[in-house]
Amino acid sequence: KEKRVTIHMLSQDQKDLSQLHNGKLIILPTSLEELLRLAGEKFGGCSFTKITNAENAEIDDLDVIWDGDHLLFS
């Protein structure tokens, strides 16, 4: 089953999810590289290198992402 996640761009002055208002709902792609590329595309050509979850834990494996998660890109 495909996972749906909400992606957010985290700027340097934003510290947590409560400050974010620019979420985009996407279907989780099949690789981290594709996820980073897709997030960059959705947020106007940004280049991201880090993905964290709502608890500020860094994501380095798609298997730890659950359906409905909020992912923050920086």
N, C-alpha and C. Protein backbone atom coordinates (compact mmCIF):
# COMPACT_ATOMS: atom_id res chain seq x y z
N LYS A 1 0.84 -1.19 0.00
CA LYS A 1 0.00 0.00 0.00
C LYS A 1 0.88 1.25 0.00
N GLU A 2 0.52 2.20 -0.83
CA GLU A 2 1.28 3.44 -0.91
C GLU A 2 1.07 4.26 0.36
N LYS A 3 2.13 4.95 0.77
CA LYS A 3 2.06 5.81 1.95
C LYS A 3 1.89 7.25 1.49
N ARG A 4 0.99 7.96 2.17
CA ARG A 4 0.83 9.39 1.93
C ARG A 4 1.52 10.13 3.07
N VAL A 5 2.33 11.12 2.73
CA VAL A 5 3.02 11.91 3.73
C VAL A 5 2.85 13.39 3.40
N THR A 6 2.97 14.22 4.42
CA THR A 6 2.94 15.66 4.22
C THR A 6 4.36 16.17 4.35
N ILE A 7 4.81 16.90 3.33
CA ILE A 7 6.17 17.43 3.34
C ILE A 7 6.13 18.92 3.65
N HIS A 8 7.15 19.37 4.36
CA HIS A 8 7.28 20.77 4.75
C HIS A 8 8.72 21.21 4.51
N MET A 9 8.89 22.46 4.11
CA MET A 9 10.22 23.05 4.01
C MET A 9 10.51 23.74 5.33
N LEU A 10 11.62 23.38 5.95
CA LEU A 10 12.01 23.96 7.24
C LEU A 10 13.06 25.02 6.99
N SER A 11 12.71 26.27 7.29
CA SER A 11 13.70 27.34 7.16
C SER A 11 14.51 27.43 8.44
N GLN A 12 15.60 28.16 8.40
CA GLN A 12 16.51 28.20 9.54
C GLN A 12 15.88 28.81 10.79
N ASP A 13 14.90 29.68 10.64
CA ASP A 13 14.28 30.31 11.81
C ASP A 13 13.11 29.51 12.37
N GLN A 14 12.73 28.43 11.70
CA GLN A 14 11.64 27.58 12.20
C GLN A 14 12.24 26.42 12.96
N LYS A 15 11.74 26.20 14.17
CA LYS A 15 12.32 25.18 15.03
C LYS A 15 11.48 23.91 15.10
N ASP A 16 10.18 24.01 14.85
CA ASP A 16 9.34 22.82 14.98
C ASP A 16 8.12 22.91 14.08
N LEU A 17 7.35 21.84 14.08
CA LEU A 17 6.20 21.68 13.18
C LEU A 17 5.11 22.72 13.42
N SER A 18 4.98 23.23 14.65
CA SER A 18 3.90 24.17 14.96
C SER A 18 4.04 25.48 14.18
N GLN A 19 5.23 25.77 13.68
CA GLN A 19 5.46 27.01 12.94
C GLN A 19 5.28 26.84 11.43
N LEU A 20 4.97 25.64 10.99
CA LEU A 20 4.89 25.36 9.55
C LEU A 20 3.46 25.48 9.04
N HIS A 21 3.32 26.12 7.88
CA HIS A 21 2.00 26.28 7.28
C HIS A 21 2.01 25.95 5.79
N ASN A 22 3.10 25.38 5.30
CA ASN A 22 3.25 25.19 3.85
C ASN A 22 3.30 23.72 3.46
N GLY A 23 2.55 22.88 4.13
CA GLY A 23 2.60 21.45 3.85
C GLY A 23 2.03 21.08 2.49
N LYS A 24 2.61 20.04 1.90
CA LYS A 24 2.12 19.49 0.63
C LYS A 24 1.99 17.98 0.80
N LEU A 25 0.81 17.45 0.49
CA LEU A 25 0.55 16.02 0.62
C LEU A 25 1.03 15.31 -0.64
N ILE A 26 1.87 14.28 -0.46
CA ILE A 26 2.40 13.53 -1.60
C ILE A 26 2.33 12.03 -1.31
N ILE A 27 2.46 11.25 -2.37
CA ILE A 27 2.66 9.80 -2.24
C ILE A 27 4.16 9.58 -2.05
N LEU A 28 4.53 8.80 -1.04
CA LEU A 28 5.94 8.56 -0.75
C LEU A 28 6.60 7.81 -1.91
N PRO A 29 7.66 8.37 -2.50
CA PRO A 29 8.35 7.66 -3.58
C PRO A 29 9.13 6.45 -3.06
N THR A 30 9.81 5.76 -3.95
CA THR A 30 10.45 4.49 -3.59
C THR A 30 11.91 4.63 -3.14
N SER A 31 12.47 5.84 -3.16
CA SER A 31 13.85 6.02 -2.70
C SER A 31 14.00 7.37 -2.01
N LEU A 32 15.00 7.46 -1.13
CA LEU A 32 15.29 8.73 -0.46
C LEU A 32 15.72 9.79 -1.47
N GLU A 33 16.49 9.39 -2.47
CA GLU A 33 16.95 10.33 -3.48
C GLU A 33 15.77 10.94 -4.23
N GLU A 34 14.80 10.10 -4.58
CA GLU A 34 13.60 10.59 -5.28
C GLU A 34 12.78 11.48 -4.36
N LEU A 35 12.70 11.14 -3.08
CA LEU A 35 11.97 11.96 -2.11
C LEU A 35 12.60 13.35 -1.99
N LEU A 36 13.92 13.40 -1.89
CA LEU A 36 14.62 14.69 -1.82
C LEU A 36 14.41 15.50 -3.10
N ARG A 37 14.48 14.83 -4.25
CA ARG A 37 14.28 15.51 -5.53
C ARG A 37 12.86 16.05 -5.65
N LEU A 38 11.88 15.22 -5.28
CA LEU A 38 10.48 15.62 -5.36
C LEU A 38 10.18 16.79 -4.43
N ALA A 39 10.71 16.75 -3.22
CA ALA A 39 10.51 17.86 -2.28
C ALA A 39 11.11 19.15 -2.84
N GLY A 40 12.29 19.05 -3.42
CA GLY A 40 12.91 20.22 -4.03
C GLY A 40 12.06 20.79 -5.14
N GLU A 41 11.50 19.92 -5.95
CA GLU A 41 10.62 20.33 -7.04
C GLU A 41 9.36 21.02 -6.51
N LYS A 42 8.75 20.44 -5.48
CA LYS A 42 7.51 20.98 -4.91
C LYS A 42 7.73 22.34 -4.26
N PHE A 43 8.94 22.58 -3.75
CA PHE A 43 9.22 23.84 -3.08
C PHE A 43 10.09 24.76 -3.93
N GLY A 44 9.81 24.80 -5.21
CA GLY A 44 10.38 25.80 -6.10
C GLY A 44 11.85 25.64 -6.44
N GLY A 45 12.31 24.42 -6.57
CA GLY A 45 13.68 24.20 -7.00
C GLY A 45 14.71 24.23 -5.89
N CYS A 46 14.28 24.08 -4.66
CA CYS A 46 15.22 24.02 -3.53
C CYS A 46 16.02 22.73 -3.60
N SER A 47 17.18 22.75 -2.97
CA SER A 47 18.02 21.56 -2.88
C SER A 47 18.14 21.16 -1.42
N PHE A 48 17.55 20.03 -1.05
CA PHE A 48 17.55 19.59 0.34
C PHE A 48 18.55 18.46 0.54
N THR A 49 19.10 18.39 1.75
CA THR A 49 20.06 17.33 2.08
C THR A 49 19.65 16.56 3.33
N LYS A 50 18.64 17.05 4.07
CA LYS A 50 18.28 16.42 5.34
C LYS A 50 16.76 16.31 5.45
N ILE A 51 16.31 15.16 5.95
CA ILE A 51 14.89 14.93 6.21
C ILE A 51 14.75 14.57 7.68
N THR A 52 13.83 15.25 8.37
CA THR A 52 13.53 14.90 9.76
C THR A 52 12.03 14.70 9.91
N ASN A 53 11.65 14.03 10.99
CA ASN A 53 10.22 13.84 11.26
C ASN A 53 9.76 14.89 12.26
N ALA A 54 8.50 14.80 12.68
CA ALA A 54 7.91 15.79 13.58
C ALA A 54 8.59 15.80 14.95
N GLU A 55 9.27 14.70 15.30
CA GLU A 55 9.99 14.62 16.57
C GLU A 55 11.45 15.05 16.42
N ASN A 56 11.79 15.60 15.25
CA ASN A 56 13.13 16.10 14.94
C ASN A 56 14.18 14.99 14.84
N ALA A 57 13.75 13.78 14.54
CA ALA A 57 14.68 12.68 14.30
C ALA A 57 15.00 12.62 12.81
N GLU A 58 16.28 12.48 12.48
CA GLU A 58 16.68 12.44 11.08
C GLU A 58 16.25 11.12 10.44
N ILE A 59 15.73 11.21 9.23
CA ILE A 59 15.26 10.05 8.46
C ILE A 59 16.35 9.66 7.47
N ASP A 60 16.81 8.40 7.52
CA ASP A 60 17.77 7.93 6.53
C ASP A 60 17.35 6.59 5.92
N ASP A 61 16.09 6.21 6.17
CA ASP A 61 15.56 4.94 5.64
C ASP A 61 14.05 5.10 5.44
N LEU A 62 13.58 4.82 4.24
CA LEU A 62 12.14 4.96 3.96
C LEU A 62 11.27 4.04 4.80
N ASP A 63 11.83 2.93 5.27
CA ASP A 63 11.03 1.96 6.03
C ASP A 63 10.56 2.50 7.38
N VAL A 64 11.18 3.57 7.88
CA VAL A 64 10.76 4.13 9.17
C VAL A 64 9.67 5.19 9.01
N ILE A 65 9.31 5.50 7.77
CA ILE A 65 8.26 6.49 7.51
C ILE A 65 6.92 5.78 7.47
N TRP A 66 5.96 6.31 8.23
CA TRP A 66 4.62 5.74 8.29
C TRP A 66 3.66 6.57 7.45
N ASP A 67 2.58 5.95 7.04
CA ASP A 67 1.51 6.65 6.35
C ASP A 67 1.01 7.77 7.25
N GLY A 68 0.91 8.97 6.72
CA GLY A 68 0.41 10.11 7.50
C GLY A 68 1.48 10.92 8.19
N ASP A 69 2.75 10.51 8.09
CA ASP A 69 3.83 11.26 8.73
C ASP A 69 4.00 12.64 8.12
N HIS A 70 4.53 13.55 8.93
CA HIS A 70 4.95 14.87 8.47
C HIS A 70 6.47 14.85 8.39
N LEU A 71 7.00 15.19 7.22
CA LEU A 71 8.44 15.18 6.99
C LEU A 71 8.92 16.60 6.74
N LEU A 72 10.01 16.97 7.40
CA LEU A 72 10.56 18.31 7.30
C LEU A 72 11.87 18.25 6.53
N PHE A 73 12.01 19.13 5.55
CA PHE A 73 13.18 19.13 4.67
C PHE A 73 14.01 20.38 4.91
N SER A 74 15.31 20.17 4.99
CA SER A 74 16.23 21.30 5.15
C SER A 74 17.52 21.00 4.41
